[in-house]
């Protein structure tokens, strides 16, 4: 719509009503109609200047209804000038909040100033915007009230950098609603995850350890029950690590990389963990260990097993479990992680006579957790 079309759509009476309408309601209706035409029009520079002059008149109107008509009609429009958007953002809430929450005309610098200078309702509106940069979330973390900080943390499109999260923890470390909301963010830096481990409990703690990468030492401490609140299985933690090699190195340094742990990992189908663990014990690169473990001949796996220093009595069960893993892969059936683990457990339970009692108890517990009680009963009665 050009300005010519816009003017054709507006009557002289619309402009007169905006300026001298008999009631606030009449002027607000005229303002809304004019704003819609401005928003939909294709304007030249001169026409834009003329439209901005009209908007300035509306923004300065003494009637709240007129200013609100301007704010509501152009809250999502890039045609609302930044100067007017900032003026409306400092108005009463019914006018300001639609602008603060939505206006693309407000820059990061504008939003930071709103967070620093405006009352809680406007801070919360900033935190609720469709997307937020680290510059804005950093200001929210430093200056905003608790509810605004929580709203920003819960906003999937609000990007926090490490400093913003650190500031949040410094201010609200003792506030469970804040720490729990932080735990449920899609991604967290390792340094923040490590701090949250000591700050959260219950469901938030479980979510943290099950959905975020933990620093190796923290994961190991949890897995070994060094922290009283929960015991997390080392094998399950290994599967969540981005750097499994570093994780198994920490396990080895702490004396936890034992044959029982490798057997558990293998029977649960965590073959990558087993490969890295054997490579660490053998002192060879992971790629070379992978070739030995998956060698189709009779000597590769035995050489890998011996090089890793694993006990000979365990080799028959170990070899059989590897063969089970390969047989499931050869079937070519697409299996999700849980189904694959169930299949591994079902088949490796036939090896239970060669597995130490502690490992057998562990496997049976995993069967119960997977809903395979019938298999568990059959194995126990064999």
Foldseek 3Di string as FASTA:
>chain_A
DEVVVLPVVDDPVLVCCLVPNPDLVSNLVSLLSSLLSVQPHDYDPVRLVVSQVVLVSQLPDPDPSSLLSNQVNCLQGLSHALVSLLSQLPDPCSRNLSNLQHHPNQDLVSLLCCQQPHDQVSLLSNLNHLAAEQSNLLSCLQRHDPNSNLSNLQRQRYDHDPNSLVSNCVVPLQPASNLLSNLPHQADDQVSLVSSCVRYADPSNVSSQQRYQHDLVVLVCQCVCVDPRHHDPSLSNLVRHPCNLVNLLVCVVVVNLAPLSLLLNLLQPVVLNNLSNLCNLLVHDSVQSVCLLPPPDDVSNVVSCVSSVHDPLCVVLVNVSSVQSVVVVVVVDDDDSLVSSQSSLLVSLVVVVSHDPVSNVVSLVVCVVSVNVVSSVVSVVD
